[in-house]
Amino acid sequence: MSFIQTGKIDLKSDNAIETAGGNTSTFTRVTFPTPFPPGSSVVVLPLTQTFNGPETPGIRIHDVTTNGFLIRLNEVYAGATKSDGKHTTETIGWLAATV
């Protein structure tokens, strides 16, 4: 049996682009409305719902557990356009499900 939960969060980035793996000090904790059953494998699928800034916001997810996850906006850093990582507020929708 699979379980699914959804939600949304308004998120912005006041911090420089995060390129060091494992540094989650600038992430925001999202707690699921109802914890998933103990021992479940949970995946989180985030998607930007708004278009408020001129640059492309990247979304980073970390530390997914049965109770929630960490999330951060991290502007896309590619090619000739180098992002500073900062981004205005966007609404991020998410879907979490057991697999």
PDB file of N, CA and C in Angstrom:
ATOM      1  N   MET A   1       0.840  -1.168   0.000  1.00  0.00           N
ATOM      2  CA  MET A   1       0.000   0.000   0.000  1.00  0.00           C
ATOM      3  C   MET A   1       0.891   1.239   0.000  1.00  0.00           C
ATOM      4  N   SER A   2       0.575   2.193  -0.861  1.00  0.00           N
ATOM      5  CA  SER A   2       1.315   3.447  -0.922  1.00  0.00           C
ATOM      6  C   SER A   2       0.560   4.534  -0.182  1.00  0.00           C
ATOM      7  N   PHE A   3       1.314   5.458   0.375  1.00  0.00           N
ATOM      8  CA  PHE A   3       0.743   6.619   1.049  1.00  0.00           C
ATOM      9  C   PHE A   3       1.258   7.866   0.347  1.00  0.00           C
ATOM     10  N   ILE A   4       0.393   8.878   0.215  1.00  0.00           N
ATOM     11  CA  ILE A   4       0.762  10.119  -0.464  1.00  0.00           C
ATOM     12  C   ILE A   4       0.323  11.301   0.387  1.00  0.00           C
ATOM     13  N   GLN A   5       1.186  12.319   0.451  1.00  0.00           N
ATOM     14  CA  GLN A   5       0.846  13.585   1.087  1.00  0.00           C
ATOM     15  C   GLN A   5       1.322  14.703   0.171  1.00  0.00           C
ATOM     16  N   THR A   6       0.654  15.839   0.229  1.00  0.00           N
ATOM     17  CA  THR A   6       1.035  16.994  -0.580  1.00  0.00           C
ATOM     18  C   THR A   6       1.060  18.236   0.288  1.00  0.00           C
ATOM     19  N   GLY A   7       1.726  19.244  -0.210  1.00  0.00           N
ATOM     20  CA  GLY A   7       1.766  20.515   0.503  1.00  0.00           C
ATOM     21  C   GLY A   7       2.431  21.571  -0.338  1.00  0.00           C
ATOM     22  N   LYS A   8       2.551  22.760   0.226  1.00  0.00           N
ATOM     23  CA  LYS A   8       3.268  23.832  -0.441  1.00  0.00           C
ATOM     24  C   LYS A   8       3.918  24.704   0.615  1.00  0.00           C
ATOM     25  N   ILE A   9       4.980  25.397   0.180  1.00  0.00           N
ATOM     26  CA  ILE A   9       5.725  26.271   1.072  1.00  0.00           C
ATOM     27  C   ILE A   9       6.186  27.483   0.275  1.00  0.00           C
ATOM     28  N   ASP A  10       6.093  28.666   0.885  1.00  0.00           N
ATOM     29  CA  ASP A  10       6.670  29.868   0.291  1.00  0.00           C
ATOM     30  C   ASP A  10       8.111  29.935   0.762  1.00  0.00           C
ATOM     31  N   LEU A  11       9.017  30.020  -0.189  1.00  0.00           N
ATOM     32  CA  LEU A  11      10.439  29.896   0.109  1.00  0.00           C
ATOM     33  C   LEU A  11      11.219  30.936  -0.677  1.00  0.00           C
ATOM     34  N   LYS A  12      12.249  31.516  -0.052  1.00  0.00           N
ATOM     35  CA  LYS A  12      13.159  32.412  -0.757  1.00  0.00           C
ATOM     36  C   LYS A  12      14.572  32.104  -0.303  1.00  0.00           C
ATOM     37  N   SER A  13      15.534  32.616  -1.035  1.00  0.00           N
ATOM     38  CA  SER A  13      16.929  32.400  -0.679  1.00  0.00           C
ATOM     39  C   SER A  13      17.614  33.739  -0.492  1.00  0.00           C
ATOM     40  N   ASP A  14      18.071  33.999   0.737  1.00  0.00           N
ATOM     41  CA  ASP A  14      18.855  35.196   1.034  1.00  0.00           C
ATOM     42  C   ASP A  14      20.339  34.866   1.080  1.00  0.00           C
ATOM     43  N   ASN A  15      20.686  33.617   0.789  1.00  0.00           N
ATOM     44  CA  ASN A  15      22.052  33.138   0.940  1.00  0.00           C
ATOM     45  C   ASN A  15      22.715  32.899  -0.409  1.00  0.00           C
ATOM     46  N   ALA A  16      24.031  32.902  -0.378  1.00  0.00           N
ATOM     47  CA  ALA A  16      24.798  32.610  -1.579  1.00  0.00           C
ATOM     48  C   ALA A  16      24.517  31.194  -2.038  1.00  0.00           C
ATOM     49  N   ILE A  17      24.821  30.926  -3.296  1.00  0.00           N
ATOM     50  CA  ILE A  17      24.631  29.589  -3.842  1.00  0.00           C
ATOM     51  C   ILE A  17      25.366  28.567  -2.981  1.00  0.00           C
ATOM     52  N   GLU A  18      24.744  27.437  -2.741  1.00  0.00           N
ATOM     53  CA  GLU A  18      25.334  26.379  -1.905  1.00  0.00           C
ATOM     54  C   GLU A  18      25.930  25.315  -2.804  1.00  0.00           C
ATOM     55  N   THR A  19      27.243  25.182  -2.761  1.00  0.00           N
ATOM     56  CA  THR A  19      27.923  24.204  -3.611  1.00  0.00           C
ATOM     57  C   THR A  19      28.608  23.108  -2.813  1.00  0.00           C
ATOM     58  N   ALA A  20      28.672  23.258  -1.500  1.00  0.00           N
ATOM     59  CA  ALA A  20      29.325  22.243  -0.665  1.00  0.00           C
ATOM     60  C   ALA A  20      28.297  21.208  -0.239  1.00  0.00           C
ATOM     61  N   GLY A  21      28.486  19.971  -0.663  1.00  0.00           N
ATOM     62  CA  GLY A  21      27.567  18.908  -0.279  1.00  0.00           C
ATOM     63  C   GLY A  21      27.539  18.724   1.227  1.00  0.00           C
ATOM     64  N   GLY A  22      26.346  18.495   1.765  1.00  0.00           N
ATOM     65  CA  GLY A  22      26.198  18.226   3.183  1.00  0.00           C
ATOM     66  C   GLY A  22      25.967  19.445   4.055  1.00  0.00           C
ATOM     67  N   ASN A  23      26.194  20.657   3.538  1.00  0.00           N
ATOM     68  CA  ASN A  23      25.955  21.858   4.340  1.00  0.00           C
ATOM     69  C   ASN A  23      24.469  22.205   4.240  1.00  0.00           C
ATOM     70  N   THR A  24      23.711  21.921   5.275  1.00  0.00           N
ATOM     71  CA  THR A  24      22.268  22.163   5.255  1.00  0.00           C
ATOM     72  C   THR A  24      21.861  23.325   6.157  1.00  0.00           C
ATOM     73  N   SER A  25      22.812  24.168   6.544  1.00  0.00           N
ATOM     74  CA  SER A  25      22.519  25.266   7.467  1.00  0.00           C
ATOM     75  C   SER A  25      21.556  26.298   6.880  1.00  0.00           C
ATOM     76  N   THR A  26      21.420  26.358   5.559  1.00  0.00           N
ATOM     77  CA  THR A  26      20.527  27.332   4.925  1.00  0.00           C
ATOM     78  C   THR A  26      19.226  26.695   4.432  1.00  0.00           C
ATOM     79  N   PHE A  27      18.973  25.456   4.786  1.00  0.00           N
ATOM     80  CA  PHE A  27      17.760  24.751   4.380  1.00  0.00           C
ATOM     81  C   PHE A  27      16.629  25.028   5.369  1.00  0.00           C
ATOM     82  N   THR A  28      15.406  24.810   4.932  1.00  0.00           N
ATOM     83  CA  THR A  28      14.211  24.943   5.770  1.00  0.00           C
ATOM     84  C   THR A  28      13.618  23.560   5.989  1.00  0.00           C
ATOM     85  N   ARG A  29      13.216  23.270   7.215  1.00  0.00           N
ATOM     86  CA  ARG A  29      12.610  21.975   7.554  1.00  0.00           C
ATOM     87  C   ARG A  29      11.117  22.016   7.248  1.00  0.00           C
ATOM     88  N   VAL A  30      10.635  21.015   6.519  1.00  0.00           N
ATOM     89  CA  VAL A  30       9.202  20.809   6.276  1.00  0.00           C
ATOM     90  C   VAL A  30       8.809  19.546   7.025  1.00  0.00           C
ATOM     91  N   THR A  31       7.768  19.642   7.836  1.00  0.00           N
ATOM     92  CA  THR A  31       7.267  18.489   8.584  1.00  0.00           C
ATOM     93  C   THR A  31       5.968  18.030   7.938  1.00  0.00           C
ATOM     94  N   PHE A  32       5.860  16.723   7.663  1.00  0.00           N
ATOM     95  CA  PHE A  32       4.643  16.200   7.067  1.00  0.00           C
ATOM     96  C   PHE A  32       3.465  16.379   8.022  1.00  0.00           C
ATOM     97  N   PRO A  33       2.270  16.658   7.497  1.00  0.00           N
ATOM     98  CA  PRO A  33       1.091  16.783   8.359  1.00  0.00           C
ATOM     99  C   PRO A  33       0.862  15.525   9.205  1.00  0.00           C
ATOM    100  N   THR A  34       1.116  14.362   8.610  1.00  0.00           N
ATOM    101  CA  THR A  34       1.012  13.082   9.307  1.00  0.00           C
ATOM    102  C   THR A  34       2.272  12.285   8.986  1.00  0.00           C
ATOM    103  N   PRO A  35       3.004  11.820   9.993  1.00  0.00           N
ATOM    104  CA  PRO A  35       4.196  11.020   9.691  1.00  0.00           C
ATOM    105  C   PRO A  35       3.831   9.773   8.895  1.00  0.00           C
ATOM    106  N   PHE A  36       4.732   9.375   7.998  1.00  0.00           N
ATOM    107  CA  PHE A  36       4.551   8.119   7.282  1.00  0.00           C
ATOM    108  C   PHE A  36       4.841   6.965   8.235  1.00  0.00           C
ATOM    109  N   PRO A  37       4.357   5.757   7.939  1.00  0.00           N
ATOM    110  CA  PRO A  37       4.600   4.618   8.828  1.00  0.00           C
ATOM    111  C   PRO A  37       6.100   4.377   9.035  1.00  0.00           C
ATOM    112  N   PRO A  38       6.499   3.999  10.249  1.00  0.00           N
ATOM    113  CA  PRO A  38       7.910   3.714  10.527  1.00  0.00           C
ATOM    114  C   PRO A  38       8.467   2.686   9.541  1.00  0.00           C
ATOM    115  N   GLY A  39       9.700   2.908   9.091  1.00  0.00           N
ATOM    116  CA  GLY A  39      10.348   1.994   8.159  1.00  0.00           C
ATOM    117  C   GLY A  39      10.006   2.233   6.707  1.00  0.00           C
ATOM    118  N   SER A  40       9.136   3.205   6.415  1.00  0.00           N
ATOM    119  CA  SER A  40       8.753   3.505   5.033  1.00  0.00           C
ATOM    120  C   SER A  40       9.900   4.162   4.280  1.00  0.00           C
ATOM    121  N   SER A  41       9.986   3.889   2.984  1.00  0.00           N
ATOM    122  CA  SER A  41      10.880   4.626   2.091  1.00  0.00           C
ATOM    123  C   SER A  41      10.048   5.730   1.457  1.00  0.00           C
ATOM    124  N   VAL A  42      10.456   6.979   1.688  1.00  0.00           N
ATOM    125  CA  VAL A  42       9.687   8.133   1.239  1.00  0.00           C
ATOM    126  C   VAL A  42      10.476   8.896   0.174  1.00  0.00           C
ATOM    127  N   VAL A  43       9.801   9.301  -0.888  1.00  0.00           N
ATOM    128  CA  VAL A  43      10.393  10.185  -1.897  1.00  0.00           C
ATOM    129  C   VAL A  43       9.613  11.499  -1.891  1.00  0.00           C
ATOM    130  N   VAL A  44      10.312  12.592  -2.193  1.00  0.00           N
ATOM    131  CA  VAL A  44       9.696  13.919  -2.250  1.00  0.00           C
ATOM    132  C   VAL A  44       9.942  14.497  -3.636  1.00  0.00           C
ATOM    133  N   LEU A  45       8.864  14.955  -4.269  1.00  0.00           N
ATOM    134  CA  LEU A  45       8.935  15.573  -5.590  1.00  0.00           C
ATOM    135  C   LEU A  45       8.511  17.033  -5.453  1.00  0.00           C
ATOM    136  N   PRO A  46       9.453  17.993  -5.523  1.00  0.00           N
ATOM    137  CA  PRO A  46       9.102  19.411  -5.434  1.00  0.00           C
ATOM    138  C   PRO A  46       8.949  20.025  -6.813  1.00  0.00           C
ATOM    139  N   LEU A  47       8.139  21.085  -6.921  1.00  0.00           N
ATOM    140  CA  LEU A  47       7.962  21.774  -8.191  1.00  0.00           C
ATOM    141  C   LEU A  47       7.620  23.237  -7.922  1.00  0.00           C
ATOM    142  N   THR A  48       8.322  24.134  -8.590  1.00  0.00           N
ATOM    143  CA  THR A  48       8.048  25.562  -8.449  1.00  0.00           C
ATOM    144  C   THR A  48       6.670  25.873  -9.033  1.00  0.00           C
ATOM    145  N   GLN A  49       5.844  26.581  -8.260  1.00  0.00           N
ATOM    146  CA  GLN A  49       4.480  26.892  -8.666  1.00  0.00           C
ATOM    147  C   GLN A  49       4.323  28.321  -9.179  1.00  0.00           C
ATOM    148  N   THR A  50       5.340  29.170  -8.951  1.00  0.00           N
ATOM    149  CA  THR A  50       5.255  30.578  -9.327  1.00  0.00           C
ATOM    150  C   THR A  50       6.447  30.967 -10.199  1.00  0.00           C
ATOM    151  N   PHE A  51       6.416  32.183 -10.725  1.00  0.00           N
ATOM    152  CA  PHE A  51       7.486  32.702 -11.572  1.00  0.00           C
ATOM    153  C   PHE A  51       7.715  34.155 -11.174  1.00  0.00           C
ATOM    154  N   ASN A  52       8.294  34.350  -9.972  1.00  0.00           N
ATOM    155  CA  ASN A  52       8.445  35.688  -9.411  1.00  0.00           C
ATOM    156  C   ASN A  52       9.809  36.324  -9.660  1.00  0.00           C
ATOM    157  N   GLY A  53      10.820  35.533  -9.897  1.00  0.00           N
ATOM    158  CA  GLY A  53      12.153  36.080 -10.135  1.00  0.00           C
ATOM    159  C   GLY A  53      12.581  35.855 -11.566  1.00  0.00           C
ATOM    160  N   PRO A  54      13.492  36.697 -12.077  1.00  0.00           N
ATOM    161  CA  PRO A  54      13.913  36.557 -13.471  1.00  0.00           C
ATOM    162  C   PRO A  54      14.842  35.365 -13.707  1.00  0.00           C
ATOM    163  N   GLU A  55      15.533  34.893 -12.661  1.00  0.00           N
ATOM    164  CA  GLU A  55      16.430  33.748 -12.817  1.00  0.00           C
ATOM    165  C   GLU A  55      15.682  32.457 -12.476  1.00  0.00           C
ATOM    166  N   THR A  56      16.239  31.353 -12.947  1.00  0.00           N
ATOM    167  CA  THR A  56      15.624  30.049 -12.702  1.00  0.00           C
ATOM    168  C   THR A  56      15.971  29.550 -11.307  1.00  0.00           C
ATOM    169  N   PRO A  57      14.959  29.297 -10.467  1.00  0.00           N
ATOM    170  CA  PRO A  57      15.250  28.772  -9.141  1.00  0.00           C
ATOM    171  C   PRO A  57      15.446  27.251  -9.200  1.00  0.00           C
ATOM    172  N   GLY A  58      16.524  26.794  -8.615  1.00  0.00           N
ATOM    173  CA  GLY A  58      16.721  25.365  -8.444  1.00  0.00           C
ATOM    174  C   GLY A  58      16.207  24.991  -7.064  1.00  0.00           C
ATOM    175  N   ILE A  59      15.753  23.778  -6.909  1.00  0.00           N
ATOM    176  CA  ILE A  59      15.246  23.313  -5.619  1.00  0.00           C
ATOM    177  C   ILE A  59      16.119  22.160  -5.164  1.00  0.00           C
ATOM    178  N   ARG A  60      16.592  22.239  -3.933  1.00  0.00           N
ATOM    179  CA  ARG A  60      17.391  21.149  -3.372  1.00  0.00           C
ATOM    180  C   ARG A  60      16.626  20.537  -2.203  1.00  0.00           C
ATOM    181  N   ILE A  61      16.618  19.214  -2.159  1.00  0.00           N
ATOM    182  CA  ILE A  61      15.961  18.446  -1.097  1.00  0.00           C
ATOM    183  C   ILE A  61      17.031  17.631  -0.387  1.00  0.00           C
ATOM    184  N   HIS A  62      16.904  17.503   0.924  1.00  0.00           N
ATOM    185  CA  HIS A  62      17.875  16.729   1.700  1.00  0.00           C
ATOM    186  C   HIS A  62      17.172  16.126   2.916  1.00  0.00           C
ATOM    187  N   ASP A  63      17.733  15.071   3.441  1.00  0.00           N
ATOM    188  CA  ASP A  63      17.306  14.455   4.712  1.00  0.00           C
ATOM    189  C   ASP A  63      15.809  14.115   4.720  1.00  0.00           C
ATOM    190  N   VAL A  64      15.374  13.358   3.717  1.00  0.00           N
ATOM    191  CA  VAL A  64      13.980  12.906   3.670  1.00  0.00           C
ATOM    192  C   VAL A  64      13.813  11.763   4.668  1.00  0.00           C
ATOM    193  N   THR A  65      12.858  11.923   5.569  1.00  0.00           N
ATOM    194  CA  THR A  65      12.541  10.884   6.566  1.00  0.00           C
ATOM    195  C   THR A  65      11.035  10.646   6.558  1.00  0.00           C
ATOM    196  N   THR A  66      10.568   9.801   7.421  1.00  0.00           N
ATOM    197  CA  THR A  66       9.128   9.559   7.532  1.00  0.00           C
ATOM    198  C   THR A  66       8.408  10.743   8.182  1.00  0.00           C
ATOM    199  N   ASN A  67       9.167  11.687   8.746  1.00  0.00           N
ATOM    200  CA  ASN A  67       8.577  12.852   9.421  1.00  0.00           C
ATOM    201  C   ASN A  67       8.631  14.140   8.604  1.00  0.00           C
ATOM    202  N   GLY A  68       9.510  14.196   7.579  1.00  0.00           N
ATOM    203  CA  GLY A  68       9.622  15.418   6.807  1.00  0.00           C
ATOM    204  C   GLY A  68      10.906  15.457   5.995  1.00  0.00           C
ATOM    205  N   PHE A  69      11.314  16.662   5.599  1.00  0.00           N
ATOM    206  CA  PHE A  69      12.502  16.819   4.759  1.00  0.00           C
ATOM    207  C   PHE A  69      13.028  18.241   4.885  1.00  0.00           C
ATOM    208  N   LEU A  70      14.235  18.462   4.370  1.00  0.00           N
ATOM    209  CA  LEU A  70      14.824  19.791   4.272  1.00  0.00           C
ATOM    210  C   LEU A  70      14.724  20.258   2.824  1.00  0.00           C
ATOM    211  N   ILE A  71      14.502  21.560   2.624  1.00  0.00           N
ATOM    212  CA  ILE A  71      14.364  22.119   1.285  1.00  0.00           C
ATOM    213  C   ILE A  71      15.060  23.471   1.220  1.00  0.00           C
ATOM    214  N   ARG A  72      15.557  23.804   0.018  1.00  0.00           N
ATOM    215  CA  ARG A  72      16.228  25.089  -0.189  1.00  0.00           C
ATOM    216  C   ARG A  72      16.117  25.493  -1.648  1.00  0.00           C
ATOM    217  N   LEU A  73      15.909  26.785  -1.896  1.00  0.00           N
ATOM    218  CA  LEU A  73      16.056  27.321  -3.242  1.00  0.00           C
ATOM    219  C   LEU A  73      17.543  27.534  -3.476  1.00  0.00           C
ATOM    220  N   ASN A  74      18.001  27.227  -4.656  1.00  0.00           N
ATOM    221  CA  ASN A  74      19.412  27.377  -5.016  1.00  0.00           C
ATOM    222  C   ASN A  74      19.438  27.737  -6.492  1.00  0.00           C
ATOM    223  N   GLU A  75      19.475  29.030  -6.794  1.00  0.00           N
ATOM    224  CA  GLU A  75      19.407  29.435  -8.198  1.00  0.00           C
ATOM    225  C   GLU A  75      20.335  28.616  -9.069  1.00  0.00           C
ATOM    226  N   VAL A  76      19.864  28.330 -10.272  1.00  0.00           N
ATOM    227  CA  VAL A  76      20.629  27.528 -11.219  1.00  0.00           C
ATOM    228  C   VAL A  76      21.931  28.259 -11.545  1.00  0.00           C
ATOM    229  N   TYR A  77      23.022  27.509 -11.533  1.00  0.00           N
ATOM    230  CA  TYR A  77      24.374  28.049 -11.739  1.00  0.00           C
ATOM    231  C   TYR A  77      24.963  27.305 -12.919  1.00  0.00           C
ATOM    232  N   ALA A  78      24.844  27.894 -14.112  1.00  0.00           N
ATOM    233  CA  ALA A  78      25.309  27.172 -15.300  1.00  0.00           C
ATOM    234  C   ALA A  78      25.704  28.140 -16.405  1.00  0.00           C
ATOM    235  N   GLY A  79      26.596  27.667 -17.250  1.00  0.00           N
ATOM    236  CA  GLY A  79      26.989  28.423 -18.436  1.00  0.00           C
ATOM    237  C   GLY A  79      27.575  29.777 -18.125  1.00  0.00           C
ATOM    238  N   ALA A  80      27.301  30.753 -18.987  1.00  0.00           N
ATOM    239  CA  ALA A  80      27.855  32.095 -18.841  1.00  0.00           C
ATOM    240  C   ALA A  80      27.142  32.892 -17.754  1.00  0.00           C
ATOM    241  N   THR A  81      25.929  32.481 -17.392  1.00  0.00           N
ATOM    242  CA  THR A  81      25.179  33.174 -16.360  1.00  0.00           C
ATOM    243  C   THR A  81      25.519  32.565 -15.006  1.00  0.00           C
ATOM    244  N   LYS A  82      26.229  33.308 -14.191  1.00  0.00           N
ATOM    245  CA  LYS A  82      26.627  32.832 -12.865  1.00  0.00           C
ATOM    246  C   LYS A  82      25.697  33.430 -11.825  1.00  0.00           C
ATOM    247  N   SER A  83      24.986  32.601 -11.108  1.00  0.00           N
ATOM    248  CA  SER A  83      24.040  33.054 -10.115  1.00  0.00           C
ATOM    249  C   SER A  83      24.739  33.339  -8.790  1.00  0.00           C
ATOM    250  N   ASP A  84      24.187  34.293  -8.041  1.00  0.00           N
ATOM    251  CA  ASP A  84      24.690  34.546  -6.696  1.00  0.00           C
ATOM    252  C   ASP A  84      23.954  33.675  -5.676  1.00  0.00           C
ATOM    253  N   GLY A  85      22.937  32.916  -6.133  1.00  0.00           N
ATOM    254  CA  GLY A  85      22.197  32.020  -5.265  1.00  0.00           C
ATOM    255  C   GLY A  85      20.984  32.641  -4.626  1.00  0.00           C
ATOM    256  N   LYS A  86      20.929  33.968  -4.573  1.00  0.00           N
ATOM    257  CA  LYS A  86      19.801  34.644  -3.926  1.00  0.00           C
ATOM    258  C   LYS A  86      18.602  34.659  -4.868  1.00  0.00           C
ATOM    259  N   HIS A  87      17.408  34.492  -4.281  1.00  0.00           N
ATOM    260  CA  HIS A  87      16.201  34.450  -5.107  1.00  0.00           C
ATOM    261  C   HIS A  87      15.013  34.939  -4.294  1.00  0.00           C
ATOM    262  N   THR A  88      14.103  35.634  -4.961  1.00  0.00           N
ATOM    263  CA  THR A  88      12.901  36.141  -4.322  1.00  0.00           C
ATOM    264  C   THR A  88      11.971  34.994  -3.918  1.00  0.00           C
ATOM    265  N   THR A  89      10.912  35.297  -3.223  1.00  0.00           N
ATOM    266  CA  THR A  89       9.986  34.276  -2.729  1.00  0.00           C
ATOM    267  C   THR A  89       9.247  33.598  -3.873  1.00  0.00           C
ATOM    268  N   GLU A  90       9.247  32.289  -3.842  1.00  0.00           N
ATOM    269  CA  GLU A  90       8.492  31.452  -4.783  1.00  0.00           C
ATOM    270  C   GLU A  90       7.662  30.468  -3.965  1.00  0.00           C
ATOM    271  N   THR A  91       6.536  30.046  -4.514  1.00  0.00           N
ATOM    272  CA  THR A  91       5.747  28.981  -3.901  1.00  0.00           C
ATOM    273  C   THR A  91       6.207  27.655  -4.485  1.00  0.00           C
ATOM    274  N   ILE A  92       6.572  26.746  -3.603  1.00  0.00           N
ATOM    275  CA  ILE A  92       7.040  25.415  -4.012  1.00  0.00           C
ATOM    276  C   ILE A  92       5.995  24.403  -3.554  1.00  0.00           C
ATOM    277  N   GLY A  93       5.427  23.692  -4.516  1.00  0.00           N
ATOM    278  CA  GLY A  93       4.525  22.602  -4.185  1.00  0.00           C
ATOM    279  C   GLY A  93       5.330  21.312  -4.042  1.00  0.00           C
ATOM    280  N   TRP A  94       4.888  20.407  -3.202  1.00  0.00           N
ATOM    281  CA  TRP A  94       5.597  19.136  -3.058  1.00  0.00           C
ATOM    282  C   TRP A  94       4.624  17.987  -2.905  1.00  0.00           C
ATOM    283  N   LEU A  95       5.056  16.840  -3.371  1.00  0.00           N
ATOM    284  CA  LEU A  95       4.325  15.590  -3.228  1.00  0.00           C
ATOM    285  C   LEU A  95       5.289  14.602  -2.586  1.00  0.00           C
ATOM    286  N   ALA A  96       4.857  13.973  -1.511  1.00  0.00           N
ATOM    287  CA  ALA A  96       5.665  12.958  -0.837  1.00  0.00           C
ATOM    288  C   ALA A  96       4.885  11.648  -0.873  1.00  0.00           C
ATOM    289  N   ALA A  97       5.594  10.569  -1.183  1.00  0.00           N
ATOM    290  CA  ALA A  97       4.932   9.269  -1.287  1.00  0.00           C
ATOM    291  C   ALA A  97       5.870   8.163  -0.833  1.00  0.00           C
ATOM    292  N   THR A  98       5.280   7.079  -0.391  1.00  0.00           N
ATOM    293  CA  THR A  98       6.084   5.896  -0.067  1.00  0.00           C
ATOM    294  C   THR A  98       6.299   5.106  -1.338  1.00  0.00           C
ATOM    295  N   VAL A  99       7.450   4.432  -1.402  1.00  0.00           N
ATOM    296  CA  VAL A  99       7.760   3.611  -2.564  1.00  0.00           C
ATOM    297  C   VAL A  99       8.091   2.194  -2.121  1.00  0.00           C
TER     298      VAL A  99
END
